């Protein structure tokens, strides 16, 4: 043991990995997580059907067994507050939870959901108002995660529309194929300039 105490803000991939290796070096490590469960975007950004929580928990248990303490439901506003509490160092590993609305007219209409917020609500079992017909704008893995989550919430039809051509779409080919097998319609190479309702 080094006698040093390290605080980590955030229990996503970066925070968990850093905690594991810092503990292996002999430091006393405490992770502070604002969400009710550790895992960050692995838990609330990747749907359970792609990354089951039981599998994630197995990995997190290994990190706990290394001596890492994980405090959930605790939002830390500033790193200096932790230094005042006796920690020798603080790592801010807060992740990429900030949702971004597409910059276009109509992005604030009723029924418009934002990707990471939507996935977090679904993961945490929070109520989500979803219509029978869903359109997902975007061609990356997150867009296809949203499409899959919408299907599992009971959407009768899910359409994915993106600017990129089919060959240039950012999503992995497996995820695109899986979405189509589940009944999603994919429309590549389409530009959208606004949402009318």
Protein backbone atom coordinates (compact mmCIF):
# COMPACT_ATOMS: atom_id res chain seq x y z
CA UNK A 1 0.00 0.00 0.00
CA UNK A 2 1.22 3.48 -0.90
CA UNK A 3 -0.94 5.32 1.61
CA UNK A 4 -2.24 7.51 -1.21
CA UNK A 5 -5.96 8.07 -1.80
CA UNK A 6 -7.33 8.69 -5.29
CA UNK A 7 -10.86 9.82 -6.16
CA UNK A 8 -12.30 9.14 -9.59
CA UNK A 9 -15.35 11.01 -10.86
CA UNK A 10 -17.27 8.68 -13.17
CA UNK A 11 -17.52 4.90 -13.43
CA UNK A 12 -17.46 4.47 -17.18
CA UNK A 13 -14.74 2.64 -19.12
CA UNK A 14 -12.04 5.23 -18.38
CA UNK A 15 -12.87 5.60 -14.69
CA UNK A 16 -13.13 1.86 -14.08
CA UNK A 17 -9.93 1.07 -15.96
CA UNK A 18 -7.96 3.78 -14.17
CA UNK A 19 -9.34 2.63 -10.81
CA UNK A 20 -8.29 -0.98 -11.44
CA UNK A 21 -4.70 -0.10 -12.33
CA UNK A 22 -4.36 2.51 -9.57
CA UNK A 23 -5.53 -0.09 -7.05
CA UNK A 24 -3.01 -2.58 -8.46
CA UNK A 25 -0.31 0.05 -7.81
CA UNK A 26 -1.32 0.11 -4.16
CA UNK A 27 -3.44 3.27 -4.01
CA UNK A 28 -6.75 3.46 -2.15
CA UNK A 29 -9.31 4.26 -4.87
CA UNK A 30 -12.88 5.53 -4.58
CA UNK A 31 -15.09 6.06 -7.63
CA UNK A 32 -17.99 8.52 -7.39
CA UNK A 33 -20.82 7.89 -9.88
CA UNK A 34 -23.84 10.18 -10.30
CA UNK A 35 -26.03 7.43 -11.76
CA UNK A 36 -27.61 4.73 -9.56
CA UNK A 37 -25.42 2.00 -11.15
CA UNK A 38 -21.75 1.90 -12.17
CA UNK A 39 -20.72 1.43 -15.79
CA UNK A 40 -21.32 4.81 -17.38
CA UNK A 41 -22.20 4.67 -21.06
CA UNK A 42 -21.60 0.91 -21.09
CA UNK A 43 -24.67 0.62 -18.86
CA UNK A 44 -26.88 3.47 -20.02
CA UNK A 45 -25.69 4.05 -23.58
CA UNK A 46 -25.48 0.49 -24.87
CA UNK A 47 -28.83 -1.33 -24.74
CA UNK A 48 -29.09 -4.43 -22.53
CA UNK A 49 -29.74 -6.66 -25.52
CA UNK A 50 -26.24 -5.78 -26.80
CA UNK A 51 -24.40 -5.66 -23.46
CA UNK A 52 -26.31 -7.52 -20.73
CA UNK A 53 -25.96 -5.97 -17.30
CA UNK A 54 -24.95 -9.33 -15.81
CA UNK A 55 -21.87 -9.40 -18.05
CA UNK A 56 -20.99 -5.82 -17.19
CA UNK A 57 -21.43 -6.53 -13.47
CA UNK A 58 -18.99 -9.46 -13.70
CA UNK A 59 -16.30 -7.09 -14.97
CA UNK A 60 -17.11 -4.44 -12.37
CA UNK A 61 -16.94 -7.07 -9.61
CA UNK A 62 -13.35 -7.85 -10.65
CA UNK A 63 -12.52 -4.18 -10.18
CA UNK A 64 -14.21 -4.13 -6.77
CA UNK A 65 -12.25 -7.26 -5.79
CA UNK A 66 -9.06 -5.31 -6.54
CA UNK A 67 -10.06 -3.04 -3.65
CA UNK A 68 -11.87 -0.24 -5.48
CA UNK A 69 -14.81 1.35 -3.66
CA UNK A 70 -17.66 2.51 -5.90
CA UNK A 71 -20.12 5.08 -4.54
CA UNK A 72 -23.20 5.42 -6.75
CA UNK A 73 -25.86 8.13 -6.73
CA UNK A 74 -23.23 10.73 -5.77
CA UNK A 75 -22.73 13.67 -8.12
CA UNK A 76 -19.43 15.52 -7.62
CA UNK A 77 -19.51 19.13 -8.74
CA UNK A 78 -15.81 20.06 -8.38
CA UNK A 79 -12.55 18.15 -8.01
CA UNK A 80 -11.15 20.56 -5.37
CA UNK A 81 -13.97 19.48 -3.03
CA UNK A 82 -12.53 15.96 -3.08
CA UNK A 83 -9.00 17.22 -2.46
CA UNK A 84 -10.32 19.05 0.62
CA UNK A 85 -11.75 15.72 1.83
CA UNK A 86 -8.26 14.22 1.94
CA UNK A 87 -7.80 12.67 -1.49
CA UNK A 88 -4.28 13.06 -2.89
CA UNK A 89 -5.40 13.07 -6.51
CA UNK A 90 -8.61 13.29 -8.53
CA UNK A 91 -9.31 11.93 -11.99
CA UNK A 92 -12.32 13.36 -13.83
CA UNK A 93 -13.65 10.66 -16.15
CA UNK A 94 -17.19 11.92 -16.63
CA UNK A 95 -17.75 10.48 -20.11
CA UNK A 96 -19.83 11.71 -23.03
CA UNK A 97 -23.37 11.79 -21.67
CA UNK A 98 -24.31 15.17 -23.14
CA UNK A 99 -27.02 14.82 -25.75
CA UNK A 100 -26.85 17.06 -28.80
CA UNK A 101 -29.88 18.09 -30.82
CA UNK A 102 -29.45 18.21 -34.57
CA UNK A 103 -29.16 21.89 -35.57
CA UNK A 104 -32.32 22.16 -37.65
CA UNK A 105 -35.77 23.72 -37.45
CA UNK A 106 -38.25 21.62 -35.49
CA UNK A 107 -35.70 19.92 -33.24
CA UNK A 108 -37.70 20.99 -30.17
CA UNK A 109 -41.14 19.75 -31.26
CA UNK A 110 -43.11 17.31 -29.11
CA UNK A 111 -42.11 13.74 -29.83
CA UNK A 112 -38.47 14.55 -30.58
CA UNK A 113 -36.16 12.37 -28.46
CA UNK A 114 -32.41 12.84 -28.17
CA UNK A 115 -30.24 9.73 -28.59
CA UNK A 116 -28.21 9.39 -25.37
CA UNK A 117 -31.04 10.72 -23.20
CA UNK A 118 -33.44 8.22 -24.77
CA UNK A 119 -31.03 5.30 -24.31
CA UNK A 120 -30.36 6.28 -20.68
CA UNK A 121 -34.10 6.47 -19.93
CA UNK A 122 -34.65 3.05 -21.48
CA UNK A 123 -31.69 1.51 -19.62
CA UNK A 124 -32.84 2.87 -16.25
CA UNK A 125 -36.45 1.82 -16.81
CA UNK A 126 -37.72 5.40 -16.86
CA UNK A 127 -40.95 6.13 -18.73
CA UNK A 128 -40.49 7.02 -22.40
CA UNK A 129 -43.32 8.28 -24.60
CA UNK A 130 -42.90 6.66 -27.97
CA UNK A 131 -45.25 6.62 -30.94
CA UNK A 132 -46.07 3.64 -33.11
CA UNK A 133 -43.94 4.94 -36.00
CA UNK A 134 -40.38 6.02 -35.22
CA UNK A 135 -37.82 7.74 -37.45
CA UNK A 136 -34.19 7.77 -36.35
CA UNK A 137 -31.95 10.41 -37.94
CA UNK A 138 -28.34 9.23 -38.18
CA UNK A 139 -26.29 6.32 -39.42
CA UNK A 140 -23.96 5.47 -36.56
CA UNK A 141 -24.05 2.72 -33.94
CA UNK A 142 -25.96 4.96 -31.50
CA UNK A 143 -28.68 5.52 -34.11
CA UNK A 144 -29.06 1.78 -34.57
CA UNK A 145 -29.09 1.27 -30.80
CA UNK A 146 -31.99 3.75 -30.67
CA UNK A 147 -33.76 1.88 -33.47
CA UNK A 148 -33.38 -1.43 -31.65
CA UNK A 149 -34.54 0.05 -28.35
CA UNK A 150 -37.59 1.59 -30.06
CA UNK A 151 -38.54 -1.80 -31.53
CA UNK A 152 -38.24 -3.42 -28.12
CA UNK A 153 -40.46 -0.70 -26.63
CA UNK A 154 -43.21 -1.64 -29.07
CA UNK A 155 -42.77 0.68 -32.06
CA UNK A 156 -44.60 -0.86 -35.00
CA UNK A 157 -42.25 0.62 -37.58
CA UNK A 158 -38.74 2.02 -37.28
CA UNK A 159 -37.03 3.89 -40.09
CA UNK A 160 -33.38 4.94 -40.01
CA UNK A 161 -32.49 7.87 -42.29
CA UNK A 162 -28.93 9.13 -42.73
CA UNK A 163 -26.84 11.43 -44.89
CA UNK A 164 -24.13 8.86 -45.63
CA UNK A 165 -24.33 6.32 -48.42
CA UNK A 166 -24.80 2.70 -47.37
CA UNK A 167 -21.04 2.10 -47.81
CA UNK A 168 -20.09 5.16 -45.72
CA UNK A 169 -22.47 4.62 -42.80
CA UNK A 170 -20.65 4.78 -39.45
CA UNK A 171 -22.55 1.87 -37.89
CA UNK A 172 -20.97 -1.56 -38.02
CA UNK A 173 -22.30 -3.77 -40.84
CA UNK A 174 -23.49 -6.33 -38.26
CA UNK A 175 -25.60 -3.76 -36.46
CA UNK A 176 -27.17 -2.49 -39.68
CA UNK A 177 -27.98 -6.04 -40.74
CA UNK A 178 -29.42 -6.92 -37.32
CA UNK A 179 -31.68 -3.85 -37.38
CA UNK A 180 -32.96 -4.77 -40.83
CA UNK A 181 -33.60 -8.36 -39.73
CA UNK A 182 -35.67 -6.93 -36.87
CA UNK A 183 -37.78 -5.01 -39.39
CA UNK A 184 -36.14 -1.58 -39.47
CA UNK A 185 -36.12 0.22 -42.80
CA UNK A 186 -32.86 1.98 -43.70
CA UNK A 187 -32.75 4.97 -46.08
CA UNK A 188 -29.15 6.12 -46.72
CA UNK A 189 -28.00 9.12 -48.78
CA UNK A 190 -30.89 11.35 -47.74
CA UNK A 191 -30.43 14.92 -46.56
CA UNK A 192 -32.85 16.33 -44.01
CA UNK A 193 -33.21 20.05 -43.42
CA UNK A 194 -35.96 20.25 -40.82
CA UNK A 195 -38.62 18.46 -38.81
CA UNK A 196 -42.19 19.49 -39.54
CA UNK A 197 -44.06 17.41 -36.96
